[in-house]
């Protein structure tokens, strides 16, 4: 569908939001961005950002989630994993759909 955002478009938009972050939050978001659109396991994510304590990890997740949006995925086989879930991506796709629909209806 023409109104949906491609993975490249999603990554460009995510990068704009991530670029506003810094420090450990930026480090976390960069790892999630590198894996996007695939999820990364909790253990792998903790390892890649160099965090051993769960409390510290979840504090970083909370900060990252307020900047971009991080979705928790639970799987019996793999455990917990995380993926970037920029809620604004859905808003942009919806705006594109509305614009396309409205411009088509005006032509008729």
N, C-alpha and C. Protein backbone atom coordinates (compact mmCIF):
# COMPACT_ATOMS: atom_id res chain seq x y z
N UNK A 1 0.82 -1.17 0.00
CA UNK A 1 0.00 0.00 0.00
C UNK A 1 0.88 1.24 0.00
N UNK A 2 0.52 2.18 -0.80
CA UNK A 2 1.33 3.38 -0.98
C UNK A 2 1.44 4.25 0.26
N UNK A 3 0.46 4.18 1.15
CA UNK A 3 0.47 5.05 2.32
C UNK A 3 1.32 4.52 3.45
N UNK A 4 1.69 3.24 3.39
CA UNK A 4 2.51 2.67 4.47
C UNK A 4 3.95 3.16 4.34
N UNK A 5 4.63 3.22 5.46
CA UNK A 5 6.02 3.66 5.48
C UNK A 5 6.93 2.46 5.25
N UNK A 6 7.90 2.63 4.38
CA UNK A 6 8.89 1.57 4.16
C UNK A 6 9.81 1.50 5.39
N UNK A 7 10.57 0.43 5.49
CA UNK A 7 11.52 0.29 6.60
C UNK A 7 12.53 1.44 6.55
N UNK A 8 12.99 1.79 5.35
CA UNK A 8 13.94 2.90 5.23
C UNK A 8 13.35 4.22 5.71
N UNK A 9 12.09 4.47 5.35
CA UNK A 9 11.43 5.69 5.82
C UNK A 9 11.28 5.68 7.34
N UNK A 10 10.90 4.53 7.88
CA UNK A 10 10.76 4.42 9.34
C UNK A 10 12.10 4.69 10.03
N UNK A 11 13.16 4.13 9.47
CA UNK A 11 14.49 4.32 10.07
C UNK A 11 14.94 5.78 10.00
N UNK A 12 14.62 6.46 8.90
CA UNK A 12 14.98 7.87 8.78
C UNK A 12 14.26 8.70 9.85
N UNK A 13 12.99 8.41 10.05
CA UNK A 13 12.21 9.14 11.05
C UNK A 13 12.70 8.82 12.45
N UNK A 14 12.93 7.54 12.73
CA UNK A 14 13.44 7.14 14.04
C UNK A 14 14.77 7.83 14.34
N UNK A 15 15.63 7.91 13.33
CA UNK A 15 16.94 8.52 13.53
C UNK A 15 16.82 9.98 13.95
N UNK A 16 15.84 10.68 13.43
CA UNK A 16 15.62 12.09 13.82
C UNK A 16 15.31 12.19 15.31
N UNK A 17 14.47 11.29 15.80
CA UNK A 17 14.10 11.30 17.21
C UNK A 17 15.26 10.84 18.09
N UNK A 18 15.95 9.80 17.65
CA UNK A 18 17.08 9.27 18.43
C UNK A 18 18.19 10.30 18.54
N UNK A 19 18.40 11.08 17.50
CA UNK A 19 19.49 12.06 17.50
C UNK A 19 19.32 13.12 18.59
N UNK A 20 18.13 13.26 19.14
CA UNK A 20 17.89 14.21 20.23
C UNK A 20 18.31 13.66 21.58
N UNK A 21 18.62 12.38 21.65
CA UNK A 21 19.01 11.73 22.90
C UNK A 21 20.53 11.78 23.06
N UNK A 22 20.97 11.53 24.28
CA UNK A 22 22.41 11.49 24.53
C UNK A 22 22.73 10.48 25.62
N UNK A 23 24.00 10.26 25.85
CA UNK A 23 24.46 9.40 26.93
C UNK A 23 24.02 7.95 26.80
N UNK A 24 23.70 7.35 27.94
CA UNK A 24 23.31 5.94 27.98
C UNK A 24 22.00 5.69 27.25
N UNK A 25 21.08 6.65 27.31
CA UNK A 25 19.82 6.49 26.59
C UNK A 25 20.10 6.40 25.09
N UNK A 26 20.97 7.25 24.60
CA UNK A 26 21.32 7.23 23.18
C UNK A 26 21.97 5.90 22.81
N UNK A 27 22.83 5.40 23.68
CA UNK A 27 23.49 4.11 23.44
C UNK A 27 22.45 2.99 23.30
N UNK A 28 21.48 2.96 24.19
CA UNK A 28 20.40 1.97 24.14
C UNK A 28 19.61 2.10 22.84
N UNK A 29 19.22 3.32 22.50
CA UNK A 29 18.42 3.54 21.29
C UNK A 29 19.20 3.21 20.03
N UNK A 30 20.50 3.47 20.03
CA UNK A 30 21.33 3.13 18.87
C UNK A 30 21.37 1.62 18.63
N UNK A 31 21.47 0.84 19.72
CA UNK A 31 21.47 -0.62 19.57
C UNK A 31 20.13 -1.09 19.03
N UNK A 32 19.04 -0.57 19.58
CA UNK A 32 17.71 -0.95 19.09
C UNK A 32 17.52 -0.52 17.63
N UNK A 33 18.05 0.64 17.28
CA UNK A 33 17.97 1.12 15.91
C UNK A 33 18.73 0.19 14.96
N UNK A 34 19.91 -0.25 15.38
CA UNK A 34 20.71 -1.15 14.54
C UNK A 34 19.97 -2.45 14.25
N UNK A 35 19.16 -2.91 15.20
CA UNK A 35 18.43 -4.16 15.04
C UNK A 35 17.07 -3.98 14.36
N UNK A 36 16.56 -2.76 14.32
CA UNK A 36 15.23 -2.48 13.79
C UNK A 36 15.09 -2.99 12.36
N UNK A 37 14.00 -3.65 12.00
CA UNK A 37 12.75 -3.82 12.71
C UNK A 37 12.67 -5.10 13.55
N UNK A 38 13.78 -5.80 13.68
CA UNK A 38 13.79 -7.04 14.45
C UNK A 38 13.98 -6.75 15.94
N UNK A 39 13.37 -7.54 16.81
CA UNK A 39 13.58 -7.36 18.25
C UNK A 39 14.94 -7.93 18.68
N UNK A 40 15.40 -7.48 19.83
CA UNK A 40 16.64 -7.99 20.41
C UNK A 40 16.31 -8.47 21.82
N UNK A 41 16.91 -9.58 22.22
CA UNK A 41 16.61 -10.15 23.53
C UNK A 41 17.12 -9.24 24.64
N UNK A 42 16.48 -9.37 25.79
CA UNK A 42 16.88 -8.58 26.96
C UNK A 42 18.35 -8.82 27.29
N UNK A 43 18.76 -10.08 27.29
CA UNK A 43 20.15 -10.42 27.64
C UNK A 43 21.13 -9.80 26.64
N UNK A 44 20.82 -9.90 25.36
CA UNK A 44 21.70 -9.33 24.33
C UNK A 44 21.78 -7.82 24.45
N UNK A 45 20.63 -7.20 24.68
CA UNK A 45 20.59 -5.74 24.80
C UNK A 45 21.40 -5.28 26.00
N UNK A 46 21.22 -5.96 27.13
CA UNK A 46 21.99 -5.61 28.34
C UNK A 46 23.48 -5.77 28.09
N UNK A 47 23.85 -6.82 27.40
CA UNK A 47 25.27 -7.07 27.11
C UNK A 47 25.83 -5.99 26.20
N UNK A 48 25.10 -5.64 25.15
CA UNK A 48 25.60 -4.67 24.16
C UNK A 48 25.72 -3.26 24.73
N UNK A 49 24.91 -2.93 25.72
CA UNK A 49 25.03 -1.59 26.31
C UNK A 49 25.87 -1.61 27.60
N UNK A 50 26.35 -2.80 27.97
CA UNK A 50 27.25 -2.92 29.10
C UNK A 50 26.60 -2.71 30.46
N UNK A 51 25.38 -3.20 30.62
CA UNK A 51 24.66 -3.06 31.88
C UNK A 51 24.45 -4.45 32.48
N UNK A 52 24.74 -4.58 33.78
CA UNK A 52 24.58 -5.87 34.44
C UNK A 52 23.38 -5.90 35.37
N UNK A 53 23.03 -4.75 35.92
CA UNK A 53 21.92 -4.70 36.89
C UNK A 53 20.61 -4.41 36.19
N UNK A 54 19.62 -5.21 36.53
CA UNK A 54 18.29 -5.03 35.90
C UNK A 54 17.68 -3.67 36.21
N UNK A 55 17.87 -3.18 37.41
CA UNK A 55 17.32 -1.88 37.78
C UNK A 55 17.86 -0.77 36.89
N UNK A 56 19.16 -0.80 36.65
CA UNK A 56 19.79 0.19 35.77
C UNK A 56 19.26 0.04 34.35
N UNK A 57 19.14 -1.21 33.92
CA UNK A 57 18.64 -1.49 32.57
C UNK A 57 17.23 -0.94 32.39
N UNK A 58 16.35 -1.20 33.34
CA UNK A 58 14.97 -0.74 33.21
C UNK A 58 14.86 0.78 33.33
N UNK A 59 15.77 1.41 34.05
CA UNK A 59 15.79 2.88 34.09
C UNK A 59 16.14 3.43 32.70
N UNK A 60 17.11 2.81 32.06
CA UNK A 60 17.48 3.22 30.70
C UNK A 60 16.33 2.98 29.73
N UNK A 61 15.68 1.85 29.87
CA UNK A 61 14.52 1.57 29.01
C UNK A 61 13.43 2.62 29.18
N UNK A 62 13.17 2.98 30.42
CA UNK A 62 12.14 3.99 30.70
C UNK A 62 12.50 5.32 30.02
N UNK A 63 13.77 5.71 30.12
CA UNK A 63 14.21 6.95 29.48
C UNK A 63 14.13 6.85 27.96
N UNK A 64 14.54 5.72 27.42
CA UNK A 64 14.47 5.52 25.97
C UNK A 64 13.05 5.49 25.47
N UNK A 65 12.17 4.89 26.26
CA UNK A 65 10.77 4.78 25.88
C UNK A 65 10.11 6.16 25.83
N UNK A 66 10.53 7.07 26.68
CA UNK A 66 9.95 8.41 26.65
C UNK A 66 10.45 9.20 25.45
N UNK A 67 11.61 8.84 24.93
CA UNK A 67 12.17 9.55 23.77
C UNK A 67 11.61 9.03 22.45
N UNK A 68 11.48 7.74 22.32
CA UNK A 68 11.10 7.16 21.03
C UNK A 68 9.92 6.20 21.14
N UNK A 69 9.94 5.32 22.07
CA UNK A 69 8.94 4.28 22.19
C UNK A 69 9.59 2.93 21.98
N UNK A 70 9.56 2.12 23.00
CA UNK A 70 10.17 0.78 22.96
C UNK A 70 9.10 -0.21 23.35
N UNK A 71 8.96 -1.23 22.54
CA UNK A 71 7.92 -2.24 22.77
C UNK A 71 8.55 -3.51 23.32
N UNK A 72 7.94 -4.03 24.38
CA UNK A 72 8.35 -5.30 24.97
C UNK A 72 7.60 -6.42 24.27
N UNK A 73 8.35 -7.42 23.84
CA UNK A 73 7.74 -8.60 23.24
C UNK A 73 8.10 -9.79 24.11
N UNK A 74 7.08 -10.57 24.46
CA UNK A 74 7.32 -11.76 25.29
C UNK A 74 7.12 -13.00 24.45
N UNK A 75 8.05 -13.94 24.60
CA UNK A 75 7.98 -15.19 23.86
C UNK A 75 8.40 -16.30 24.81
N UNK A 76 7.63 -17.36 24.87
CA UNK A 76 7.95 -18.46 25.79
C UNK A 76 9.32 -19.05 25.49
N UNK A 77 9.62 -19.17 24.20
CA UNK A 77 10.87 -19.80 23.81
C UNK A 77 12.08 -18.88 23.97
N UNK A 78 11.92 -17.61 23.62
CA UNK A 78 13.04 -16.68 23.64
C UNK A 78 13.09 -15.77 24.86
N UNK A 79 12.02 -15.69 25.61
CA UNK A 79 11.97 -14.77 26.74
C UNK A 79 11.58 -13.38 26.30
N UNK A 80 12.06 -12.38 27.02
CA UNK A 80 11.72 -10.99 26.72
C UNK A 80 12.64 -10.44 25.64
N UNK A 81 12.06 -9.65 24.76
CA UNK A 81 12.86 -8.94 23.77
C UNK A 81 12.24 -7.57 23.55
N UNK A 82 13.00 -6.68 22.95
CA UNK A 82 12.58 -5.30 22.78
C UNK A 82 12.80 -4.86 21.34
N UNK A 83 11.94 -3.95 20.90
CA UNK A 83 12.03 -3.40 19.55
C UNK A 83 11.56 -1.95 19.59
N UNK A 84 12.17 -1.11 18.76
CA UNK A 84 11.70 0.27 18.67
C UNK A 84 10.27 0.27 18.15
N UNK A 85 9.45 1.10 18.76
CA UNK A 85 8.04 1.17 18.39
C UNK A 85 7.61 2.63 18.45
N UNK A 86 8.13 3.42 17.54
CA UNK A 86 7.78 4.83 17.53
C UNK A 86 6.31 5.02 17.20
N UNK A 87 5.53 5.32 18.22
CA UNK A 87 4.10 5.54 18.04
C UNK A 87 3.83 6.60 16.99
N UNK A 88 4.75 7.53 16.82
CA UNK A 88 4.60 8.60 15.83
C UNK A 88 4.68 8.06 14.41
N UNK A 89 5.28 6.88 14.23
CA UNK A 89 5.32 6.26 12.89
C UNK A 89 3.92 5.94 12.41
N UNK A 90 3.09 5.45 13.33
CA UNK A 90 1.69 5.16 12.98
C UNK A 90 0.94 6.45 12.65
N UNK A 91 1.24 7.51 13.39
CA UNK A 91 0.60 8.80 13.12
C UNK A 91 0.98 9.31 11.72
N UNK A 92 2.22 9.18 11.37
CA UNK A 92 2.68 9.65 10.05
C UNK A 92 2.05 8.81 8.95
N UNK A 93 2.00 7.50 9.14
CA UNK A 93 1.37 6.62 8.14
C UNK A 93 -0.11 6.96 8.00
N UNK A 94 -0.79 7.21 9.12
CA UNK A 94 -2.20 7.56 9.08
C UNK A 94 -2.40 8.89 8.37
N UNK A 95 -1.54 9.85 8.64
CA UNK A 95 -1.62 11.15 7.97
C UNK A 95 -1.46 10.97 6.46
N UNK A 96 -0.52 10.14 6.06
CA UNK A 96 -0.30 9.87 4.64
C UNK A 96 -1.55 9.25 4.01
N UNK A 97 -2.17 8.31 4.72
CA UNK A 97 -3.37 7.65 4.21
C UNK A 97 -4.52 8.65 4.07
N UNK A 98 -4.72 9.48 5.10
CA UNK A 98 -5.79 10.47 5.06
C UNK A 98 -5.55 11.44 3.91
N UNK A 99 -4.33 11.91 3.77
CA UNK A 99 -4.01 12.85 2.69
C UNK A 99 -4.28 12.22 1.33
N UNK A 100 -3.86 10.99 1.15
CA UNK A 100 -4.06 10.30 -0.13
C UNK A 100 -5.56 10.09 -0.40
N UNK A 101 -6.30 9.68 0.61
CA UNK A 101 -7.74 9.45 0.47
C UNK A 101 -8.47 10.74 0.15
N UNK A 102 -8.13 11.80 0.85
CA UNK A 102 -8.80 13.09 0.64
C UNK A 102 -8.48 13.65 -0.74
N UNK A 103 -7.23 13.55 -1.16
CA UNK A 103 -6.87 14.09 -2.47
C UNK A 103 -7.53 13.30 -3.59
N UNK A 104 -7.73 11.99 -3.41
CA UNK A 104 -8.43 11.19 -4.41
C UNK A 104 -9.89 11.56 -4.46
N UNK A 105 -10.51 11.79 -3.30
CA UNK A 105 -11.94 12.13 -3.29
C UNK A 105 -12.18 13.52 -3.87
N UNK A 106 -11.22 14.41 -3.77
CA UNK A 106 -11.37 15.75 -4.34
C UNK A 106 -11.28 15.73 -5.85
N UNK A 107 -10.58 14.75 -6.40
CA UNK A 107 -10.44 14.63 -7.85
C UNK A 107 -11.74 14.20 -8.51
N UNK A 108 -12.59 13.49 -7.77
CA UNK A 108 -13.84 12.95 -8.34
C UNK A 108 -14.97 13.90 -8.23
